[in-house]
N, C-alpha and C. Protein backbone atom coordinates (compact mmCIF):
# COMPACT_ATOMS: atom_id res chain seq x y z
N MET A 1 -35.01 -30.48 1.52
CA MET A 1 -35.12 -28.91 0.55
C MET A 1 -34.05 -28.20 0.13
N LYS A 2 -33.59 -27.96 1.44
CA LYS A 2 -31.89 -27.44 1.56
C LYS A 2 -31.32 -27.71 0.67
N ARG A 3 -30.76 -29.26 0.69
CA ARG A 3 -29.75 -29.58 0.20
C ARG A 3 -30.58 -29.86 -1.43
N SER A 4 -31.45 -29.80 -1.69
CA SER A 4 -31.79 -29.83 -3.51
C SER A 4 -30.84 -28.73 -3.73
N ARG A 5 -31.60 -27.81 -3.44
CA ARG A 5 -30.51 -26.44 -3.90
C ARG A 5 -29.73 -25.90 -3.55
N SER A 6 -29.07 -26.38 -2.84
CA SER A 6 -27.55 -26.62 -2.37
C SER A 6 -27.22 -27.62 -3.93
N LEU A 7 -27.64 -28.64 -4.32
CA LEU A 7 -27.06 -29.09 -5.40
C LEU A 7 -27.38 -28.43 -6.82
N ALA A 8 -28.39 -27.64 -6.76
CA ALA A 8 -28.71 -26.77 -7.69
C ALA A 8 -27.93 -26.30 -8.21
N ARG A 9 -27.13 -25.18 -6.95
CA ARG A 9 -26.13 -24.07 -7.03
C ARG A 9 -25.08 -24.97 -7.34
N THR A 10 -24.76 -25.78 -6.81
CA THR A 10 -23.31 -26.88 -6.73
C THR A 10 -23.03 -27.17 -8.49
N VAL A 11 -24.43 -27.30 -8.94
CA VAL A 11 -24.73 -28.28 -10.19
C VAL A 11 -24.12 -26.59 -10.84
N ALA A 12 -25.10 -25.70 -11.17
CA ALA A 12 -24.54 -24.19 -11.81
C ALA A 12 -23.23 -23.84 -12.18
N VAL A 13 -22.75 -24.10 -10.74
CA VAL A 13 -21.39 -23.74 -10.66
C VAL A 13 -20.32 -24.31 -11.32
N LEU A 14 -20.48 -25.36 -11.47
CA LEU A 14 -19.77 -26.39 -12.19
C LEU A 14 -20.25 -26.64 -13.31
N GLY A 15 -21.23 -26.14 -14.02
CA GLY A 15 -21.55 -26.08 -14.84
C GLY A 15 -21.88 -27.98 -15.66
N ALA A 16 -22.27 -28.52 -14.42
CA ALA A 16 -22.10 -30.04 -14.81
C ALA A 16 -23.71 -30.44 -15.38
N VAL A 17 -24.43 -30.13 -15.97
CA VAL A 17 -26.24 -29.98 -16.13
C VAL A 17 -26.66 -31.65 -16.25
N VAL A 18 -26.19 -32.27 -17.21
CA VAL A 18 -26.86 -33.58 -17.22
C VAL A 18 -26.35 -34.36 -15.92
N PRO A 19 -25.35 -34.47 -15.05
CA PRO A 19 -25.24 -35.10 -14.36
C PRO A 19 -26.59 -34.76 -12.92
N ALA A 20 -26.38 -33.53 -12.93
CA ALA A 20 -27.46 -33.20 -12.43
C ALA A 20 -29.16 -33.69 -12.46
N VAL A 21 -29.56 -33.92 -13.47
CA VAL A 21 -30.31 -34.25 -14.11
C VAL A 21 -30.63 -35.93 -13.81
N VAL A 22 -29.48 -36.59 -13.98
CA VAL A 22 -29.69 -37.59 -13.62
C VAL A 22 -29.70 -37.94 -12.24
N ALA A 23 -29.03 -37.33 -10.94
CA ALA A 23 -29.08 -37.62 -9.74
C ALA A 23 -30.78 -36.66 -9.41
N MET A 24 -31.20 -36.08 -9.93
CA MET A 24 -32.44 -35.23 -9.68
C MET A 24 -33.69 -36.34 -9.81
N THR A 25 -33.23 -37.20 -11.12
CA THR A 25 -34.86 -38.12 -11.63
C THR A 25 -34.65 -39.63 -11.12
N ALA A 26 -33.26 -39.59 -9.73
CA ALA A 26 -33.27 -40.92 -9.83
C ALA A 26 -33.76 -42.06 -9.18
N THR A 27 -34.97 -41.26 -8.58
CA THR A 27 -36.32 -42.06 -7.90
C THR A 27 -37.29 -41.38 -7.02
N THR A 28 -38.47 -41.56 -7.66
CA THR A 28 -39.59 -41.05 -7.24
C THR A 28 -40.30 -41.95 -6.87
N ALA A 29 -41.07 -41.73 -5.25
CA ALA A 29 -41.93 -42.89 -4.74
C ALA A 29 -43.41 -42.17 -4.46
N HIS A 30 -44.28 -42.53 -4.92
CA HIS A 30 -45.47 -42.27 -4.21
C HIS A 30 -45.97 -42.72 -3.16
N ALA A 31 -46.36 -42.44 -1.85
CA ALA A 31 -46.98 -43.38 -0.86
C ALA A 31 -47.15 -42.76 0.58
N SER A 32 -47.36 -42.87 2.00
CA SER A 32 -46.98 -42.67 2.65
C SER A 32 -46.01 -43.79 3.01
N GLY A 33 -45.22 -43.18 4.30
CA GLY A 33 -44.70 -44.05 4.58
C GLY A 33 -43.21 -44.79 3.75
N ALA A 34 -43.21 -44.03 2.76
CA ALA A 34 -42.31 -44.03 1.85
C ALA A 34 -41.08 -44.21 2.12
N GLY A 35 -39.82 -44.73 2.37
CA GLY A 35 -39.20 -44.71 2.95
C GLY A 35 -38.97 -45.55 4.18
N ARG A 36 -39.55 -45.98 4.46
CA ARG A 36 -39.66 -46.70 6.15
C ARG A 36 -39.34 -48.54 5.68
N PRO A 37 -38.52 -49.21 6.23
CA PRO A 37 -38.32 -50.17 6.00
C PRO A 37 -39.30 -51.47 6.00
N GLY A 38 -39.37 -52.11 4.72
CA GLY A 38 -40.64 -53.26 4.25
C GLY A 38 -41.83 -52.38 3.82
N ALA A 39 -41.28 -50.61 3.91
CA ALA A 39 -42.84 -50.43 3.03
C ALA A 39 -42.86 -50.87 1.82
N ALA A 40 -42.05 -51.47 1.00
CA ALA A 40 -42.26 -51.83 -0.23
C ALA A 40 -43.56 -52.59 0.17
N ASP A 41 -43.07 -53.73 1.08
CA ASP A 41 -43.93 -55.15 0.58
C ASP A 41 -45.17 -54.46 1.63
N SER A 42 -45.00 -53.64 2.31
CA SER A 42 -46.41 -53.37 3.73
C SER A 42 -47.91 -52.69 2.80
N ILE A 43 -47.24 -51.67 2.00
CA ILE A 43 -48.13 -50.63 1.32
C ILE A 43 -48.10 -50.25 -0.37
N GLY A 44 -46.62 -50.98 -0.66
CA GLY A 44 -47.13 -51.51 -2.34
C GLY A 44 -46.65 -49.59 -2.68
N ILE A 45 -45.80 -49.17 -2.98
CA ILE A 45 -44.51 -48.19 -3.28
C ILE A 45 -45.02 -48.16 -4.72
N MET A 46 -45.35 -46.81 -5.33
CA MET A 46 -45.35 -47.01 -6.83
C MET A 46 -44.10 -46.19 -6.70
N ALA A 47 -42.72 -46.56 -7.97
CA ALA A 47 -41.80 -45.84 -8.08
C ALA A 47 -41.37 -46.38 -9.84
N SER A 48 -40.17 -45.08 -10.07
CA SER A 48 -39.95 -44.91 -11.39
C SER A 48 -38.93 -44.30 -11.21
N SER A 49 -37.97 -44.93 -11.82
CA SER A 49 -36.56 -44.46 -11.54
C SER A 49 -35.46 -44.53 -13.15
N SER A 50 -35.01 -43.23 -13.86
CA SER A 50 -34.60 -43.32 -15.04
C SER A 50 -32.79 -42.86 -14.74
N CYS A 51 -32.42 -43.01 -16.07
CA CYS A 51 -31.26 -42.89 -16.23
C CYS A 51 -30.73 -42.44 -17.79
N ILE A 52 -29.56 -41.86 -18.05
CA ILE A 52 -29.46 -40.92 -18.97
C ILE A 52 -27.82 -41.74 -19.23
N VAL A 53 -27.84 -41.97 -20.83
CA VAL A 53 -26.39 -42.56 -20.67
C VAL A 53 -25.04 -41.91 -21.06
N GLY A 54 -24.35 -41.50 -20.52
CA GLY A 54 -22.95 -40.12 -20.83
C GLY A 54 -21.77 -41.07 -21.22
N SER A 55 -20.83 -40.45 -21.39
CA SER A 55 -19.51 -40.59 -22.52
C SER A 55 -18.96 -41.86 -22.26
N SER A 56 -19.31 -42.48 -20.76
CA SER A 56 -18.70 -44.05 -20.35
C SER A 56 -20.13 -45.06 -21.18
N GLY A 57 -20.82 -44.44 -21.55
CA GLY A 57 -21.90 -45.76 -22.51
C GLY A 57 -22.50 -46.31 -21.82
N THR A 58 -22.76 -45.90 -20.61
CA THR A 58 -23.30 -47.25 -19.76
C THR A 58 -24.47 -46.13 -18.34
N CYS A 59 -25.51 -46.44 -18.34
CA CYS A 59 -25.84 -46.36 -16.83
C CYS A 59 -26.67 -47.34 -16.30
N ARG A 60 -27.41 -46.70 -15.03
CA ARG A 60 -28.56 -48.14 -14.33
C ARG A 60 -29.05 -46.92 -13.79
N THR A 61 -30.43 -47.56 -13.44
CA THR A 61 -31.56 -46.56 -12.79
C THR A 61 -31.37 -47.09 -11.73
N ALA A 62 -32.27 -46.12 -10.40
CA ALA A 62 -32.33 -47.18 -8.98
C ALA A 62 -33.10 -47.95 -8.72
N ILE A 63 -33.28 -48.80 -7.82
CA ILE A 63 -33.46 -49.69 -7.50
C ILE A 63 -35.07 -49.24 -7.27
N VAL A 64 -35.93 -50.98 -7.87
CA VAL A 64 -37.81 -50.22 -8.10
C VAL A 64 -37.96 -51.70 -8.09
N PRO A 65 -39.15 -51.96 -7.05
CA PRO A 65 -39.87 -52.89 -6.47
C PRO A 65 -40.77 -53.13 -7.55
N ALA A 66 -40.97 -54.58 -7.65
CA ALA A 66 -42.15 -54.59 -8.58
C ALA A 66 -43.45 -54.62 -8.09
N ASN A 67 -44.51 -54.49 -8.72
CA ASN A 67 -45.56 -53.66 -8.56
C ASN A 67 -46.28 -54.44 -7.65
N ALA A 68 -46.80 -54.36 -6.27
CA ALA A 68 -47.16 -55.32 -5.19
C ALA A 68 -48.94 -56.05 -5.49
N LEU A 69 -49.55 -55.49 -6.66
CA LEU A 69 -50.78 -55.60 -6.83
C LEU A 69 -50.80 -56.48 -8.19
N GLY A 70 -50.06 -56.21 -9.07
CA GLY A 70 -50.15 -56.66 -10.37
C GLY A 70 -48.68 -57.63 -10.95
N HIS A 71 -47.44 -57.38 -9.43
CA HIS A 71 -46.29 -58.24 -9.63
C HIS A 71 -45.70 -58.04 -11.36
N TYR A 72 -45.05 -56.90 -11.55
CA TYR A 72 -44.70 -56.54 -12.91
C TYR A 72 -43.78 -55.40 -12.52
N VAL A 73 -42.72 -54.86 -13.80
CA VAL A 73 -42.11 -53.66 -14.15
C VAL A 73 -42.20 -53.58 -15.41
N ASP A 74 -42.32 -52.13 -15.47
CA ASP A 74 -42.31 -51.64 -16.93
C ASP A 74 -41.14 -51.08 -17.10
N VAL A 75 -40.37 -51.23 -18.22
CA VAL A 75 -39.17 -50.78 -19.01
C VAL A 75 -39.28 -50.26 -20.08
N VAL A 76 -39.00 -49.05 -20.09
CA VAL A 76 -38.69 -48.34 -21.29
C VAL A 76 -37.23 -48.00 -21.75
N VAL A 77 -36.55 -48.64 -23.36
CA VAL A 77 -35.20 -47.94 -23.59
C VAL A 77 -35.65 -47.11 -24.57
N ASN A 78 -34.88 -45.76 -24.94
CA ASN A 78 -35.22 -44.85 -26.01
C ASN A 78 -34.24 -45.06 -26.40
N ASN A 79 -33.43 -45.68 -27.36
CA ASN A 79 -32.45 -45.11 -28.42
C ASN A 79 -33.14 -44.97 -30.16
N ARG A 80 -33.83 -44.02 -29.80
CA ARG A 80 -34.20 -43.25 -31.07
C ARG A 80 -33.06 -42.28 -31.54
N LEU A 81 -32.81 -41.99 -32.63
CA LEU A 81 -32.00 -40.55 -33.33
C LEU A 81 -30.44 -41.19 -32.59
N ARG A 82 -30.17 -42.52 -32.72
CA ARG A 82 -28.92 -43.07 -32.51
C ARG A 82 -28.45 -43.79 -33.81
N PRO A 83 -27.13 -44.02 -34.36
CA PRO A 83 -27.18 -44.89 -35.70
C PRO A 83 -26.22 -46.15 -34.83
N SER A 84 -26.90 -46.19 -33.32
CA SER A 84 -26.18 -47.59 -33.27
C SER A 84 -27.04 -48.54 -31.81
N PRO A 85 -27.00 -49.68 -31.89
CA PRO A 85 -27.44 -50.44 -30.83
C PRO A 85 -27.36 -50.02 -29.29
N CYS A 86 -28.48 -50.25 -28.54
CA CYS A 86 -28.05 -50.43 -27.12
C CYS A 86 -28.77 -51.54 -26.00
N ASN A 87 -28.00 -52.21 -25.78
CA ASN A 87 -27.79 -53.35 -25.12
C ASN A 87 -28.74 -52.57 -23.01
N TYR A 88 -29.44 -53.75 -23.17
CA TYR A 88 -29.76 -53.46 -21.53
C TYR A 88 -30.20 -54.69 -21.00
N GLU A 89 -30.47 -54.87 -19.76
CA GLU A 89 -30.50 -55.93 -19.01
C GLU A 89 -31.24 -55.21 -17.17
N VAL A 90 -32.48 -56.44 -17.34
CA VAL A 90 -32.93 -55.95 -15.88
C VAL A 90 -32.38 -56.88 -15.51
N ILE A 91 -31.89 -56.42 -13.96
CA ILE A 91 -31.44 -57.21 -12.87
C ILE A 91 -32.26 -57.14 -11.88
N ASP A 92 -32.62 -58.29 -11.26
CA ASP A 92 -32.80 -58.61 -9.64
C ASP A 92 -31.95 -58.36 -8.87
N THR A 93 -32.02 -57.30 -7.58
CA THR A 93 -31.47 -56.70 -7.09
C THR A 93 -30.73 -57.94 -5.49
N ILE A 94 -32.01 -58.60 -5.42
CA ILE A 94 -31.71 -59.84 -4.46
C ILE A 94 -31.11 -60.61 -4.82
N THR A 95 -31.41 -61.40 -6.09
CA THR A 95 -30.05 -62.60 -6.28
C THR A 95 -29.21 -62.16 -7.20
N ASN A 96 -29.14 -61.02 -7.53
CA ASN A 96 -28.22 -60.28 -8.90
C ASN A 96 -28.41 -61.55 -10.35
N GLN A 97 -29.51 -61.63 -10.31
CA GLN A 97 -29.34 -62.58 -11.27
C GLN A 97 -30.15 -61.57 -12.59
N VAL A 98 -30.01 -61.65 -13.81
CA VAL A 98 -30.26 -61.06 -14.82
C VAL A 98 -31.63 -61.62 -15.20
N VAL A 99 -32.98 -61.08 -15.04
CA VAL A 99 -34.48 -61.24 -15.40
C VAL A 99 -34.84 -61.06 -17.10
N ASN A 100 -34.16 -59.93 -17.63
CA ASN A 100 -34.55 -60.10 -19.13
C ASN A 100 -33.63 -58.85 -19.38
N TRP A 101 -33.17 -59.50 -20.98
CA TRP A 101 -31.82 -58.67 -21.28
C TRP A 101 -32.26 -58.50 -22.63
N ASN A 102 -31.69 -57.88 -23.81
CA ASN A 102 -31.78 -57.33 -24.88
C ASN A 102 -31.14 -56.29 -25.82
N VAL A 103 -30.96 -56.27 -27.12
CA VAL A 103 -30.14 -55.06 -27.38
C VAL A 103 -31.43 -53.95 -28.46
N VAL A 104 -31.70 -53.38 -28.28
CA VAL A 104 -32.50 -52.30 -28.78
C VAL A 104 -31.80 -51.60 -29.94
N PRO A 105 -32.31 -51.87 -31.04
CA PRO A 105 -31.87 -51.67 -32.60
C PRO A 105 -31.65 -49.95 -32.71
N SER A 106 -31.05 -49.80 -33.32
CA SER A 106 -31.10 -47.99 -33.70
C SER A 106 -31.80 -47.21 -34.11
N ASN A 107 -32.24 -46.32 -33.79
CA ASN A 107 -33.54 -45.64 -33.97
C ASN A 107 -35.05 -46.15 -33.78
N THR A 108 -34.53 -46.78 -32.34
CA THR A 108 -35.81 -47.44 -31.76
C THR A 108 -36.37 -47.41 -30.25
N ARG A 109 -37.52 -47.12 -30.16
CA ARG A 109 -37.72 -47.04 -28.28
C ARG A 109 -38.76 -48.11 -28.35
N LEU A 110 -37.61 -48.85 -27.02
CA LEU A 110 -38.33 -50.50 -26.74
C LEU A 110 -39.59 -49.90 -25.82
N SER A 111 -40.44 -50.54 -25.56
CA SER A 111 -41.21 -50.37 -24.32
C SER A 111 -41.93 -51.93 -24.17
N LEU A 112 -41.66 -52.12 -23.32
CA LEU A 112 -42.22 -53.43 -22.47
C LEU A 112 -42.93 -53.84 -20.87
N ARG A 113 -43.29 -54.87 -20.38
CA ARG A 113 -43.99 -55.09 -19.40
C ARG A 113 -43.15 -56.35 -18.56
N LEU A 114 -42.77 -56.40 -17.76
CA LEU A 114 -41.85 -58.10 -17.18
C LEU A 114 -43.29 -58.78 -16.42
N PRO A 115 -43.87 -59.32 -16.87
CA PRO A 115 -44.98 -59.80 -15.87
C PRO A 115 -44.26 -60.83 -14.82
N ASN A 116 -44.61 -61.45 -13.59
CA ASN A 116 -45.00 -62.47 -12.92
C ASN A 116 -43.17 -61.72 -11.95
N VAL A 117 -43.24 -60.91 -11.68
CA VAL A 117 -42.15 -60.44 -10.88
C VAL A 117 -42.33 -60.08 -9.47
N TYR A 118 -41.43 -60.32 -8.28
CA TYR A 118 -42.00 -60.04 -7.06
C TYR A 118 -40.97 -59.64 -6.37
N SER A 119 -39.77 -58.93 -6.47
CA SER A 119 -38.54 -58.80 -5.89
C SER A 119 -38.30 -57.02 -6.35
N GLN A 120 -37.27 -56.67 -6.47
CA GLN A 120 -36.53 -55.63 -6.66
C GLN A 120 -35.29 -55.47 -7.73
N TYR A 121 -35.69 -54.37 -8.42
CA TYR A 121 -35.04 -54.32 -9.93
C TYR A 121 -34.50 -53.35 -10.30
N GLN A 122 -33.55 -53.49 -11.01
CA GLN A 122 -32.64 -52.42 -11.49
C GLN A 122 -32.22 -52.63 -13.05
N LEU A 123 -32.41 -51.50 -14.17
CA LEU A 123 -32.07 -51.37 -15.42
C LEU A 123 -30.85 -50.83 -15.62
N LYS A 124 -30.15 -51.39 -16.06
CA LYS A 124 -28.69 -51.05 -16.85
C LYS A 124 -28.88 -51.06 -18.04
N LEU A 125 -27.92 -50.16 -18.79
CA LEU A 125 -28.53 -49.66 -20.15
C LEU A 125 -26.27 -49.79 -20.44
N TYR A 126 -25.83 -50.47 -21.18
CA TYR A 126 -24.81 -50.44 -21.92
C TYR A 126 -24.44 -50.55 -23.35
N TRP A 127 -22.99 -50.43 -23.73
CA TRP A 127 -22.60 -50.30 -25.19
C TRP A 127 -23.84 -49.41 -25.64
N CYS A 128 -23.97 -48.02 -25.16
CA CYS A 128 -25.01 -47.39 -25.87
C CYS A 128 -23.99 -46.13 -26.20
N LEU A 129 -24.54 -45.13 -27.10
CA LEU A 129 -24.40 -43.96 -27.20
C LEU A 129 -24.64 -42.78 -26.16
N ALA A 130 -24.21 -41.87 -26.39
CA ALA A 130 -24.49 -40.94 -25.00
C ALA A 130 -25.82 -40.30 -25.20
N SER A 131 -26.64 -39.98 -24.25
CA SER A 131 -27.93 -39.53 -24.30
C SER A 131 -28.86 -40.38 -24.79
N ALA A 132 -29.03 -42.03 -24.93
CA ALA A 132 -29.88 -43.04 -25.03
C ALA A 132 -30.20 -43.18 -23.53
N THR A 133 -31.57 -42.96 -22.78
CA THR A 133 -32.65 -43.28 -21.69
C THR A 133 -32.95 -44.51 -21.32
N GLY A 134 -33.53 -44.61 -19.96
CA GLY A 134 -33.60 -45.84 -19.68
C GLY A 134 -34.86 -45.78 -18.51
N ILE A 135 -36.05 -46.08 -18.32
CA ILE A 135 -37.17 -45.89 -17.24
C ILE A 135 -37.39 -47.36 -17.21
N LEU A 136 -37.39 -47.68 -15.84
CA LEU A 136 -38.20 -48.74 -15.03
C LEU A 136 -38.51 -48.31 -14.07
N ASP A 137 -40.37 -48.66 -14.18
CA ASP A 137 -41.39 -47.93 -13.19
C ASP A 137 -42.18 -49.27 -12.84
N ASN A 138 -42.82 -48.96 -11.80
CA ASN A 138 -43.70 -50.19 -11.56
C ASN A 138 -45.32 -49.85 -11.28
N ASP A 139 -45.59 -48.42 -11.81
CA ASP A 139 -47.12 -48.09 -11.85
C ASP A 139 -48.24 -47.85 -13.02
């Protein structure tokens, strides 16, 4: 808790609001024992991670394990109100393989469920305009 307050003060002093939002929404886990080694396999952590594209045109979410019971991850890419397309990839972080990729057209919000997945994943947005957002979750 002390660290969050310190981060908020540092951000306020520097005036860097967007990086703070990205840092603070990086990962949310709900389960007793979250953070323990092997916890994702033993209790099925429900997690969600989001990222916001900055001036670099790219962002990555934190790593999210597949849903332990349904074996899926949900992907949302919000490219609404932007005049150019945004590319995304869902990457299996254990094998470093791309398991899904596509281009989200301008002025579009994509929402999909990737079924039959059993590993840990990360969403990467690239070649996007600033403020496009990505969400990866398993609940």
